[in-house]
Amino acid sequence: CVRCGETRPRMAFKPFQNEFGQQLYDTICGVCWGEWTKR
């Protein structure tokens, strides 16, 4: 993950159906995505 630097499972799905969504899916772990949804 580019946010936390840890090697973790990726998100379960692409958050957006575009290039930016693919970038997030490829670089952000599920844990950090969960933190974002709370924020």
PDB file of all heavy atoms in Angstrom:
ATOM      1  N   CYS A   1       0.829  -1.200   0.000  1.00  0.00           N
ATOM      2  CA  CYS A   1       0.000   0.000   0.000  1.00  0.00           C
ATOM      3  C   CYS A   1       0.870   1.259   0.000  1.00  0.00           C
ATOM      4  O   CYS A   1       1.837   1.352   0.755  1.00  0.00           O
ATOM      5  CB  CYS A   1      -0.899  -0.020   1.232  1.00  0.00           C
ATOM      6  SG  CYS A   1      -1.993   1.395   1.403  1.00  0.00           S
ATOM      7  N   VAL A   2       0.505   2.215  -0.849  1.00  0.00           N
ATOM      8  CA  VAL A   2       1.270   3.464  -0.910  1.00  0.00           C
ATOM      9  C   VAL A   2       0.977   4.368   0.286  1.00  0.00           C
ATOM     10  O   VAL A   2       1.759   5.259   0.578  1.00  0.00           O
ATOM     11  CB  VAL A   2       1.034   4.247  -2.225  1.00  0.00           C
ATOM     12  CG1 VAL A   2       1.501   3.447  -3.421  1.00  0.00           C
ATOM     13  CG2 VAL A   2      -0.408   4.667  -2.383  1.00  0.00           C
ATOM     14  N   ARG A   3      -0.118   4.134   0.971  1.00  0.00           N
ATOM     15  CA  ARG A   3      -0.446   4.980   2.121  1.00  0.00           C
ATOM     16  C   ARG A   3       0.285   4.517   3.375  1.00  0.00           C
ATOM     17  O   ARG A   3       0.958   5.282   4.032  1.00  0.00           O
ATOM     18  CB  ARG A   3      -1.943   4.993   2.403  1.00  0.00           C
ATOM     19  CG  ARG A   3      -2.273   5.872   3.616  1.00  0.00           C
ATOM     20  CD  ARG A   3      -3.763   6.023   3.822  1.00  0.00           C
ATOM     21  NE  ARG A   3      -4.022   6.975   4.877  1.00  0.00           N
ATOM     22  CZ  ARG A   3      -4.258   6.630   6.131  1.00  0.00           C
ATOM     23  NH1 ARG A   3      -4.270   5.355   6.493  1.00  0.00           N
ATOM     24  NH2 ARG A   3      -4.492   7.564   7.044  1.00  0.00           N
ATOM     25  N   CYS A   4       0.144   3.229   3.707  1.00  0.00           N
ATOM     26  CA  CYS A   4       0.713   2.737   4.970  1.00  0.00           C
ATOM     27  C   CYS A   4       2.057   2.039   4.798  1.00  0.00           C
ATOM     28  O   CYS A   4       2.776   1.837   5.770  1.00  0.00           O
ATOM     29  CB  CYS A   4      -0.276   1.802   5.664  1.00  0.00           C
ATOM     30  SG  CYS A   4      -0.593   0.249   4.788  1.00  0.00           S
ATOM     31  N   GLY A   5       2.375   1.639   3.558  1.00  0.00           N
ATOM     32  CA  GLY A   5       3.642   0.953   3.315  1.00  0.00           C
ATOM     33  C   GLY A   5       3.629  -0.527   3.665  1.00  0.00           C
ATOM     34  O   GLY A   5       4.624  -1.214   3.481  1.00  0.00           O
ATOM     35  N   GLU A   6       2.507  -1.023   4.160  1.00  0.00           N
ATOM     36  CA  GLU A   6       2.386  -2.434   4.532  1.00  0.00           C
ATOM     37  C   GLU A   6       1.949  -3.275   3.333  1.00  0.00           C
ATOM     38  O   GLU A   6       1.293  -2.778   2.423  1.00  0.00           O
ATOM     39  CB  GLU A   6       1.354  -2.590   5.651  1.00  0.00           C
ATOM     40  CG  GLU A   6       1.676  -1.832   6.920  1.00  0.00           C
ATOM     41  CD  GLU A   6       2.833  -2.428   7.684  1.00  0.00           C
ATOM     42  OE1 GLU A   6       2.964  -3.671   7.684  1.00  0.00           O
ATOM     43  OE2 GLU A   6       3.600  -1.660   8.281  1.00  0.00           O
ATOM     44  N   THR A   7       2.290  -4.559   3.368  1.00  0.00           N
ATOM     45  CA  THR A   7       1.795  -5.497   2.374  1.00  0.00           C
ATOM     46  C   THR A   7       0.565  -6.155   2.969  1.00  0.00           C
ATOM     47  O   THR A   7       0.657  -6.891   3.957  1.00  0.00           O
ATOM     48  CB  THR A   7       2.864  -6.531   2.012  1.00  0.00           C
ATOM     49  OG1 THR A   7       3.993  -5.837   1.469  1.00  0.00           O
ATOM     50  CG2 THR A   7       2.347  -7.525   0.985  1.00  0.00           C
ATOM     51  N   ARG A   8      -0.586  -5.830   2.372  1.00  0.00           N
ATOM     52  CA  ARG A   8      -1.875  -6.288   2.885  1.00  0.00           C
ATOM     53  C   ARG A   8      -2.789  -6.616   1.715  1.00  0.00           C
ATOM     54  O   ARG A   8      -2.509  -6.246   0.584  1.00  0.00           O
ATOM     55  CB  ARG A   8      -2.546  -5.176   3.697  1.00  0.00           C
ATOM     56  CG  ARG A   8      -1.806  -4.772   4.951  1.00  0.00           C
ATOM     57  CD  ARG A   8      -2.528  -3.622   5.598  1.00  0.00           C
ATOM     58  NE  ARG A   8      -1.996  -3.357   6.927  1.00  0.00           N
ATOM     59  CZ  ARG A   8      -2.228  -2.253   7.597  1.00  0.00           C
ATOM     60  NH1 ARG A   8      -2.983  -1.304   7.083  1.00  0.00           N
ATOM     61  NH2 ARG A   8      -1.722  -2.082   8.797  1.00  0.00           N
ATOM     62  N   PRO A   9      -3.935  -7.262   2.012  1.00  0.00           N
ATOM     63  CA  PRO A   9      -4.902  -7.525   0.939  1.00  0.00           C
ATOM     64  C   PRO A   9      -5.433  -6.221   0.346  1.00  0.00           C
ATOM     65  O   PRO A   9      -5.673  -5.251   1.065  1.00  0.00           O
ATOM     66  CB  PRO A   9      -6.021  -8.302   1.637  1.00  0.00           C
ATOM     67  CG  PRO A   9      -5.372  -8.915   2.832  1.00  0.00           C
ATOM     68  CD  PRO A   9      -4.323  -7.922   3.267  1.00  0.00           C
ATOM     69  N   ARG A  10      -5.605  -6.212  -0.971  1.00  0.00           N
ATOM     70  CA  ARG A  10      -6.152  -5.039  -1.656  1.00  0.00           C
ATOM     71  C   ARG A  10      -7.630  -4.895  -1.326  1.00  0.00           C
ATOM     72  O   ARG A  10      -8.217  -5.780  -0.714  1.00  0.00           O
ATOM     73  CB  ARG A  10      -5.933  -5.122  -3.153  1.00  0.00           C
ATOM     74  CG  ARG A  10      -6.805  -6.147  -3.833  1.00  0.00           C
ATOM     75  CD  ARG A  10      -6.787  -6.071  -5.349  1.00  0.00           C
ATOM     76  NE  ARG A  10      -5.470  -6.382  -5.869  1.00  0.00           N
ATOM     77  CZ  ARG A  10      -4.938  -5.787  -6.925  1.00  0.00           C
ATOM     78  NH1 ARG A  10      -5.606  -4.899  -7.609  1.00  0.00           N
ATOM     79  NH2 ARG A  10      -3.741  -6.113  -7.334  1.00  0.00           N
ATOM     80  N   MET A  11      -8.213  -3.808  -1.767  1.00  0.00           N
ATOM     81  CA  MET A  11      -9.646  -3.601  -1.609  1.00  0.00           C
ATOM     82  C   MET A  11     -10.407  -4.726  -2.297  1.00  0.00           C
ATOM     83  O   MET A  11      -9.909  -5.336  -3.234  1.00  0.00           O
ATOM     84  CB  MET A  11     -10.066  -2.288  -2.284  1.00  0.00           C
ATOM     85  CG  MET A  11      -9.562  -1.062  -1.633  1.00  0.00           C
ATOM     86  SD  MET A  11     -10.208   0.363  -2.531  1.00  0.00           S
ATOM     87  CE  MET A  11      -8.717   0.896  -3.337  1.00  0.00           C
ATOM     88  N   ALA A  12     -11.625  -4.950  -1.868  1.00  0.00           N
ATOM     89  CA  ALA A  12     -12.446  -6.018  -2.453  1.00  0.00           C
ATOM     90  C   ALA A  12     -12.997  -5.638  -3.823  1.00  0.00           C
ATOM     91  O   ALA A  12     -13.410  -6.517  -4.582  1.00  0.00           O
ATOM     92  CB  ALA A  12     -13.594  -6.348  -1.506  1.00  0.00           C
ATOM     93  N   PHE A  13     -13.006  -4.340  -4.147  1.00  0.00           N
ATOM     94  CA  PHE A  13     -13.596  -3.868  -5.405  1.00  0.00           C
ATOM     95  C   PHE A  13     -12.964  -2.543  -5.792  1.00  0.00           C
ATOM     96  O   PHE A  13     -12.376  -1.863  -4.951  1.00  0.00           O
ATOM     97  CB  PHE A  13     -15.113  -3.683  -5.258  1.00  0.00           C
ATOM     98  CG  PHE A  13     -15.460  -2.727  -4.145  1.00  0.00           C
ATOM     99  CD1 PHE A  13     -15.579  -1.370  -4.385  1.00  0.00           C
ATOM    100  CD2 PHE A  13     -15.640  -3.188  -2.859  1.00  0.00           C
ATOM    101  CE1 PHE A  13     -15.874  -0.489  -3.361  1.00  0.00           C
ATOM    102  CE2 PHE A  13     -15.940  -2.308  -1.821  1.00  0.00           C
ATOM    103  CZ  PHE A  13     -16.060  -0.961  -2.080  1.00  0.00           C
ATOM    104  N   LYS A  14     -13.091  -2.175  -7.061  1.00  0.00           N
ATOM    105  CA  LYS A  14     -12.639  -0.861  -7.517  1.00  0.00           C
ATOM    106  C   LYS A  14     -13.658   0.175  -7.048  1.00  0.00           C
ATOM    107  O   LYS A  14     -14.852   0.011  -7.296  1.00  0.00           O
ATOM    108  CB  LYS A  14     -12.504  -0.793  -9.035  1.00  0.00           C
ATOM    109  CG  LYS A  14     -11.301  -1.528  -9.569  1.00  0.00           C
ATOM    110  CD  LYS A  14     -11.049  -1.187 -11.014  1.00  0.00           C
ATOM    111  CE  LYS A  14     -11.973  -1.980 -11.898  1.00  0.00           C
ATOM    112  NZ  LYS A  14     -11.689  -1.811 -13.323  1.00  0.00           N
ATOM    113  N   PRO A  15     -13.217   1.233  -6.376  1.00  0.00           N
ATOM    114  CA  PRO A  15     -14.169   2.201  -5.844  1.00  0.00           C
ATOM    115  C   PRO A  15     -14.834   3.070  -6.907  1.00  0.00           C
ATOM    116  O   PRO A  15     -15.929   3.587  -6.677  1.00  0.00           O
ATOM    117  CB  PRO A  15     -13.321   3.042  -4.900  1.00  0.00           C
ATOM    118  CG  PRO A  15     -11.930   2.906  -5.402  1.00  0.00           C
ATOM    119  CD  PRO A  15     -11.847   1.535  -5.993  1.00  0.00           C
ATOM    120  N   PHE A  16     -14.191   3.251  -8.053  1.00  0.00           N
ATOM    121  CA  PHE A  16     -14.737   4.022  -9.168  1.00  0.00           C
ATOM    122  C   PHE A  16     -14.452   3.246 -10.447  1.00  0.00           C
ATOM    123  O   PHE A  16     -13.414   2.615 -10.565  1.00  0.00           O
ATOM    124  CB  PHE A  16     -14.074   5.411  -9.283  1.00  0.00           C
ATOM    125  CG  PHE A  16     -14.069   6.190  -8.001  1.00  0.00           C
ATOM    126  CD1 PHE A  16     -12.893   6.374  -7.288  1.00  0.00           C
ATOM    127  CD2 PHE A  16     -15.237   6.751  -7.512  1.00  0.00           C
ATOM    128  CE1 PHE A  16     -12.886   7.093  -6.102  1.00  0.00           C
ATOM    129  CE2 PHE A  16     -15.235   7.463  -6.331  1.00  0.00           C
ATOM    130  CZ  PHE A  16     -14.051   7.640  -5.619  1.00  0.00           C
ATOM    131  N   GLN A  17     -15.341   3.329 -11.395  1.00  0.00           N
ATOM    132  CA  GLN A  17     -15.158   2.611 -12.656  1.00  0.00           C
ATOM    133  C   GLN A  17     -14.468   3.510 -13.679  1.00  0.00           C
ATOM    134  O   GLN A  17     -15.010   3.806 -14.744  1.00  0.00           O
ATOM    135  CB  GLN A  17     -16.505   2.103 -13.172  1.00  0.00           C
ATOM    136  CG  GLN A  17     -17.160   1.098 -12.245  1.00  0.00           C
ATOM    137  CD  GLN A  17     -16.264  -0.108 -11.960  1.00  0.00           C
ATOM    138  OE1 GLN A  17     -15.687  -0.695 -12.880  1.00  0.00           O
ATOM    139  NE2 GLN A  17     -16.143  -0.472 -10.704  1.00  0.00           N
ATOM    140  N   ASN A  18     -13.269   3.968 -13.311  1.00  0.00           N
ATOM    141  CA  ASN A  18     -12.468   4.797 -14.204  1.00  0.00           C
ATOM    142  C   ASN A  18     -10.993   4.555 -13.887  1.00  0.00           C
ATOM    143  O   ASN A  18     -10.662   3.700 -13.060  1.00  0.00           O
ATOM    144  CB  ASN A  18     -12.853   6.281 -14.089  1.00  0.00           C
ATOM    145  CG  ASN A  18     -12.700   6.828 -12.671  1.00  0.00           C
ATOM    146  OD1 ASN A  18     -11.940   6.314 -11.864  1.00  0.00           O
ATOM    147  ND2 ASN A  18     -13.439   7.881 -12.368  1.00  0.00           N
ATOM    148  N   GLU A  19     -10.132   5.322 -14.530  1.00  0.00           N
ATOM    149  CA  GLU A  19      -8.688   5.148 -14.346  1.00  0.00           C
ATOM    150  C   GLU A  19      -8.254   5.426 -12.902  1.00  0.00           C
ATOM    151  O   GLU A  19      -7.410   4.719 -12.346  1.00  0.00           O
ATOM    152  CB  GLU A  19      -7.949   6.090 -15.305  1.00  0.00           C
ATOM    153  CG  GLU A  19      -6.457   5.841 -15.368  1.00  0.00           C
ATOM    154  CD  GLU A  19      -5.782   6.697 -16.424  1.00  0.00           C
ATOM    155  OE1 GLU A  19      -6.314   6.810 -17.538  1.00  0.00           O
ATOM    156  OE2 GLU A  19      -4.718   7.253 -16.111  1.00  0.00           O
ATOM    157  N   PHE A  20      -8.851   6.440 -12.275  1.00  0.00           N
ATOM    158  CA  PHE A  20      -8.512   6.763 -10.889  1.00  0.00           C
ATOM    159  C   PHE A  20      -8.920   5.618  -9.955  1.00  0.00           C
ATOM    160  O   PHE A  20      -8.180   5.255  -9.043  1.00  0.00           O
ATOM    161  CB  PHE A  20      -9.169   8.074 -10.462  1.00  0.00           C
ATOM    162  CG  PHE A  20      -8.837   8.475  -9.054  1.00  0.00           C
ATOM    163  CD1 PHE A  20      -7.523   8.691  -8.665  1.00  0.00           C
ATOM    164  CD2 PHE A  20      -9.839   8.639  -8.120  1.00  0.00           C
ATOM    165  CE1 PHE A  20      -7.204   9.057  -7.366  1.00  0.00           C
ATOM    166  CE2 PHE A  20      -9.542   9.004  -6.819  1.00  0.00           C
ATOM    167  CZ  PHE A  20      -8.220   9.217  -6.434  1.00  0.00           C
ATOM    168  N   GLY A  21     -10.089   5.027 -10.208  1.00  0.00           N
ATOM    169  CA  GLY A  21     -10.515   3.874  -9.422  1.00  0.00           C
ATOM    170  C   GLY A  21      -9.553   2.707  -9.551  1.00  0.00           C
ATOM    171  O   GLY A  21      -9.265   2.012  -8.569  1.00  0.00           O
ATOM    172  N   GLN A  22      -9.054   2.480 -10.755  1.00  0.00           N
ATOM    173  CA  GLN A  22      -8.069   1.422 -10.974  1.00  0.00           C
ATOM    174  C   GLN A  22      -6.773   1.732 -10.230  1.00  0.00           C
ATOM    175  O   GLN A  22      -6.166   0.848  -9.631  1.00  0.00           O
ATOM    176  CB  GLN A  22      -7.793   1.241 -12.468  1.00  0.00           C
ATOM    177  CG  GLN A  22      -6.881   0.077 -12.787  1.00  0.00           C
ATOM    178  CD  GLN A  22      -7.506  -1.267 -12.479  1.00  0.00           C
ATOM    179  OE1 GLN A  22      -8.652  -1.524 -12.845  1.00  0.00           O
ATOM    180  NE2 GLN A  22      -6.769  -2.135 -11.810  1.00  0.00           N
ATOM    181  N   GLN A  23      -6.350   2.998 -10.248  1.00  0.00           N
ATOM    182  CA  GLN A  23      -5.139   3.402  -9.516  1.00  0.00           C
ATOM    183  C   GLN A  23      -5.300   3.110  -8.025  1.00  0.00           C
ATOM    184  O   GLN A  23      -4.397   2.550  -7.400  1.00  0.00           O
ATOM    185  CB  GLN A  23      -4.853   4.883  -9.724  1.00  0.00           C
ATOM    186  CG  GLN A  23      -3.662   5.383  -8.920  1.00  0.00           C
ATOM    187  CD  GLN A  23      -3.524   6.890  -8.910  1.00  0.00           C
ATOM    188  OE1 GLN A  23      -4.280   7.613  -9.555  1.00  0.00           O
ATOM    189  NE2 GLN A  23      -2.569   7.387  -8.155  1.00  0.00           N
ATOM    190  N   LEU A  24      -6.432   3.476  -7.458  1.00  0.00           N
ATOM    191  CA  LEU A  24      -6.668   3.208  -6.041  1.00  0.00           C
ATOM    192  C   LEU A  24      -6.675   1.708  -5.772  1.00  0.00           C
ATOM    193  O   LEU A  24      -6.059   1.234  -4.809  1.00  0.00           O
ATOM    194  CB  LEU A  24      -7.990   3.832  -5.591  1.00  0.00           C
ATOM    195  CG  LEU A  24      -8.047   5.354  -5.568  1.00  0.00           C
ATOM    196  CD1 LEU A  24      -9.459   5.813  -5.241  1.00  0.00           C
ATOM    197  CD2 LEU A  24      -7.047   5.938  -4.594  1.00  0.00           C
ATOM    198  N   TYR A  25      -7.353   0.958  -6.619  1.00  0.00           N
ATOM    199  CA  TYR A  25      -7.444  -0.493  -6.468  1.00  0.00           C
ATOM    200  C   TYR A  25      -6.068  -1.153  -6.505  1.00  0.00           C
ATOM    201  O   TYR A  25      -5.805  -2.101  -5.769  1.00  0.00           O
ATOM    202  CB  TYR A  25      -8.338  -1.051  -7.571  1.00  0.00           C
ATOM    203  CG  TYR A  25      -8.601  -2.529  -7.489  1.00  0.00           C
ATOM    204  CD1 TYR A  25      -9.401  -3.068  -6.492  1.00  0.00           C
ATOM    205  CD2 TYR A  25      -8.053  -3.401  -8.433  1.00  0.00           C
ATOM    206  CE1 TYR A  25      -9.655  -4.429  -6.429  1.00  0.00           C
ATOM    207  CE2 TYR A  25      -8.305  -4.760  -8.376  1.00  0.00           C
ATOM    208  CZ  TYR A  25      -9.099  -5.265  -7.370  1.00  0.00           C
ATOM    209  OH  TYR A  25      -9.348  -6.615  -7.306  1.00  0.00           O
ATOM    210  N   ASP A  26      -5.190  -0.624  -7.333  1.00  0.00           N
ATOM    211  CA  ASP A  26      -3.849  -1.194  -7.483  1.00  0.00           C
ATOM    212  C   ASP A  26      -2.865  -0.760  -6.413  1.00  0.00           C
ATOM    213  O   ASP A  26      -1.816  -1.384  -6.262  1.00  0.00           O
ATOM    214  CB  ASP A  26      -3.278  -0.830  -8.858  1.00  0.00           C
ATOM    215  CG  ASP A  26      -3.989  -1.524 -10.005  1.00  0.00           C
ATOM    216  OD1 ASP A  26      -4.649  -2.566  -9.775  1.00  0.00           O
ATOM    217  OD2 ASP A  26      -3.903  -1.011 -11.138  1.00  0.00           O
ATOM    218  N   THR A  27      -3.171   0.316  -5.672  1.00  0.00           N
ATOM    219  CA  THR A  27      -2.158   0.868  -4.771  1.00  0.00           C
ATOM    220  C   THR A  27      -2.591   1.056  -3.320  1.00  0.00           C
ATOM    221  O   THR A  27      -1.746   1.347  -2.470  1.00  0.00           O
ATOM    222  CB  THR A  27      -1.670   2.234  -5.291  1.00  0.00           C
ATOM    223  OG1 THR A  27      -2.771   3.149  -5.328  1.00  0.00           O
ATOM    224  CG2 THR A  27      -1.034   2.125  -6.665  1.00  0.00           C
ATOM    225  N   ILE A  28      -3.878   0.891  -3.009  1.00  0.00           N
ATOM    226  CA  ILE A  28      -4.367   1.124  -1.654  1.00  0.00           C
ATOM    227  C   ILE A  28      -4.910  -0.181  -1.070  1.00  0.00           C
ATOM    228  O   ILE A  28      -5.710  -0.866  -1.705  1.00  0.00           O
ATOM    229  CB  ILE A  28      -5.484   2.198  -1.641  1.00  0.00           C
ATOM    230  CG1 ILE A  28      -4.983   3.521  -2.212  1.00  0.00           C
ATOM    231  CG2 ILE A  28      -6.056   2.392  -0.231  1.00  0.00           C
ATOM    232  CD1 ILE A  28      -3.874   4.199  -1.410  1.00  0.00           C
ATOM    233  N   CYS A  29      -4.493  -0.503   0.140  1.00  0.00           N
ATOM    234  CA  CYS A  29      -4.957  -1.742   0.768  1.00  0.00           C
ATOM    235  C   CYS A  29      -6.369  -1.571   1.326  1.00  0.00           C
ATOM    236  O   CYS A  29      -6.871  -0.456   1.516  1.00  0.00           O
ATOM    237  CB  CYS A  29      -4.001  -2.167   1.878  1.00  0.00           C
ATOM    238  SG  CYS A  29      -3.996  -1.109   3.341  1.00  0.00           S
ATOM    239  N   GLY A  30      -6.991  -2.687   1.594  1.00  0.00           N
ATOM    240  CA  GLY A  30      -8.348  -2.679   2.128  1.00  0.00           C
ATOM    241  C   GLY A  30      -8.447  -2.014   3.487  1.00  0.00           C
ATOM    242  O   GLY A  30      -9.458  -1.380   3.806  1.00  0.00           O
ATOM    243  N   VAL A  31      -7.412  -2.140   4.311  1.00  0.00           N
ATOM    244  CA  VAL A  31      -7.423  -1.516   5.638  1.00  0.00           C
ATOM    245  C   VAL A  31      -7.460   0.008   5.507  1.00  0.00           C
ATOM    246  O   VAL A  31      -8.279   0.680   6.150  1.00  0.00           O
ATOM    247  CB  VAL A  31      -6.193  -1.964   6.464  1.00  0.00           C
ATOM    248  CG1 VAL A  31      -6.089  -1.192   7.767  1.00  0.00           C
ATOM    249  CG2 VAL A  31      -6.255  -3.462   6.732  1.00  0.00           C
ATOM    250  N   CYS A  32      -6.613   0.563   4.665  1.00  0.00           N
ATOM    251  CA  CYS A  32      -6.593   2.020   4.477  1.00  0.00           C
ATOM    252  C   CYS A  32      -7.881   2.500   3.814  1.00  0.00           C
ATOM    253  O   CYS A  32      -8.379   3.587   4.140  1.00  0.00           O
ATOM    254  CB  CYS A  32      -5.369   2.450   3.670  1.00  0.00           C
ATOM    255  SG  CYS A  32      -3.835   2.341   4.620  1.00  0.00           S
ATOM    256  N   TRP A  33      -8.435   1.707   2.900  1.00  0.00           N
ATOM    257  CA  TRP A  33      -9.715   2.083   2.301  1.00  0.00           C
ATOM    258  C   TRP A  33     -10.800   2.136   3.375  1.00  0.00           C
ATOM    259  O   TRP A  33     -11.624   3.033   3.393  1.00  0.00           O
ATOM    260  CB  TRP A  33     -10.095   1.127   1.177  1.00  0.00           C
ATOM    261  CG  TRP A  33     -11.377   1.554   0.547  1.00  0.00           C
ATOM    262  CD1 TRP A  33     -12.597   0.958   0.694  1.00  0.00           C
ATOM    263  CD2 TRP A  33     -11.577   2.682  -0.299  1.00  0.00           C
ATOM    264  NE1 TRP A  33     -13.541   1.650  -0.015  1.00  0.00           N
ATOM    265  CE2 TRP A  33     -12.943   2.721  -0.632  1.00  0.00           C
ATOM    266  CE3 TRP A  33     -10.739   3.668  -0.805  1.00  0.00           C
ATOM    267  CZ2 TRP A  33     -13.496   3.696  -1.450  1.00  0.00           C
ATOM    268  CZ3 TRP A  33     -11.291   4.651  -1.634  1.00  0.00           C
ATOM    269  CH2 TRP A  33     -12.644   4.652  -1.943  1.00  0.00           C
ATOM    270  N   GLY A  34     -10.786   1.176   4.286  1.00  0.00           N
ATOM    271  CA  GLY A  34     -11.736   1.185   5.396  1.00  0.00           C
ATOM    272  C   GLY A  34     -11.574   2.413   6.273  1.00  0.00           C
ATOM    273  O   GLY A  34     -12.566   2.997   6.731  1.00  0.00           O
ATOM    274  N   GLU A  35     -10.335   2.820   6.504  1.00  0.00           N
ATOM    275  CA  GLU A  35     -10.082   4.039   7.274  1.00  0.00           C
ATOM    276  C   GLU A  35     -10.645   5.251   6.533  1.00  0.00           C
ATOM    277  O   GLU A  35     -11.199   6.163   7.153  1.00  0.00           O
ATOM    278  CB  GLU A  35      -8.590   4.208   7.532  1.00  0.00           C
ATOM    279  CG  GLU A  35      -8.034   3.191   8.503  1.00  0.00           C
ATOM    280  CD  GLU A  35      -6.524   3.266   8.639  1.00  0.00           C
ATOM    281  OE1 GLU A  35      -5.891   4.161   8.045  1.00  0.00           O
ATOM    282  OE2 GLU A  35      -5.974   2.402   9.346  1.00  0.00           O
ATOM    283  N   TRP A  36     -10.491   5.259   5.195  1.00  0.00           N
ATOM    284  CA  TRP A  36     -11.046   6.368   4.421  1.00  0.00           C
ATOM    285  C   TRP A  36     -12.569   6.416   4.526  1.00  0.00           C
ATOM    286  O   TRP A  36     -13.146   7.480   4.697  1.00  0.00           O
ATOM    287  CB  TRP A  36     -10.630   6.314   2.946  1.00  0.00           C
ATOM    288  CG  TRP A  36     -11.562   7.154   2.121  1.00  0.00           C
ATOM    289  CD1 TRP A  36     -12.461   6.725   1.206  1.00  0.00           C
ATOM    290  CD2 TRP A  36     -11.735   8.580   2.205  1.00  0.00           C
ATOM    291  NE1 TRP A  36     -13.181   7.785   0.717  1.00  0.00           N
ATOM    292  CE2 TRP A  36     -12.751   8.938   1.328  1.00  0.00           C
ATOM    293  CE3 TRP A  36     -11.119   9.588   2.959  1.00  0.00           C
ATOM    294  CZ2 TRP A  36     -13.177  10.248   1.156  1.00  0.00           C
ATOM    295  CZ3 TRP A  36     -11.549  10.902   2.803  1.00  0.00           C
ATOM    296  CH2 TRP A  36     -12.558  11.214   1.899  1.00  0.00           C
ATOM    297  N   THR A  37     -13.225   5.279   4.446  1.00  0.00           N
ATOM    298  CA  THR A  37     -14.691   5.305   4.490  1.00  0.00           C
ATOM    299  C   THR A  37     -15.194   5.833   5.831  1.00  0.00           C
ATOM    300  O   THR A  37     -16.198   6.548   5.871  1.00  0.00           O
ATOM    301  CB  THR A  37     -15.313   3.924   4.180  1.00  0.00           C
ATOM    302  OG1 THR A  37     -14.869   2.966   5.120  1.00  0.00           O
ATOM    303  CG2 THR A  37     -14.971   3.473   2.771  1.00  0.00           C
ATOM    304  N   LYS A  38     -14.486   5.533   6.909  1.00  0.00           N
ATOM    305  CA  LYS A  38     -14.842   6.102   8.219  1.00  0.00           C
ATOM    306  C   LYS A  38     -14.622   7.605   8.225  1.00  0.00           C
ATOM    307  O   LYS A  38     -15.461   8.369   8.716  1.00  0.00           O
ATOM    308  CB  LYS A  38     -14.033   5.437   9.328  1.00  0.00           C
ATOM    309  CG  LYS A  38     -14.437   4.009   9.587  1.00  0.00           C
ATOM    310  CD  LYS A  38     -13.558   3.376  10.629  1.00  0.00           C
ATOM    311  CE  LYS A  38     -13.856   1.896  10.751  1.00  0.00           C
ATOM    312  NZ  LYS A  38     -12.927   1.225  11.640  1.00  0.00           N
ATOM    313  N   ARG A  39     -13.492   8.040   7.683  1.00  0.00           N
ATOM    314  CA  ARG A  39     -13.188   9.473   7.626  1.00  0.00           C
ATOM    315  C   ARG A  39     -14.202  10.206   6.744  1.00  0.00           C
ATOM    316  O   ARG A  39     -14.642  11.313   7.071  1.00  0.00           O
ATOM    317  CB  ARG A  39     -11.768   9.691   7.094  1.00  0.00           C
ATOM    318  CG  ARG A  39     -11.375  11.120   6.922  1.00  0.00           C
ATOM    319  CD  ARG A  39     -11.248  11.808   8.264  1.00  0.00           C
ATOM    320  NE  ARG A  39     -10.792  13.179   8.049  1.00  0.00           N
ATOM    321  CZ  ARG A  39     -11.176  14.184   8.796  1.00  0.00           C
ATOM    322  NH1 ARG A  39     -11.959  13.999   9.830  1.00  0.00           N
ATOM    323  NH2 ARG A  39     -10.743  15.393   8.530  1.00  0.00           N
TER     324      ARG A  39
END
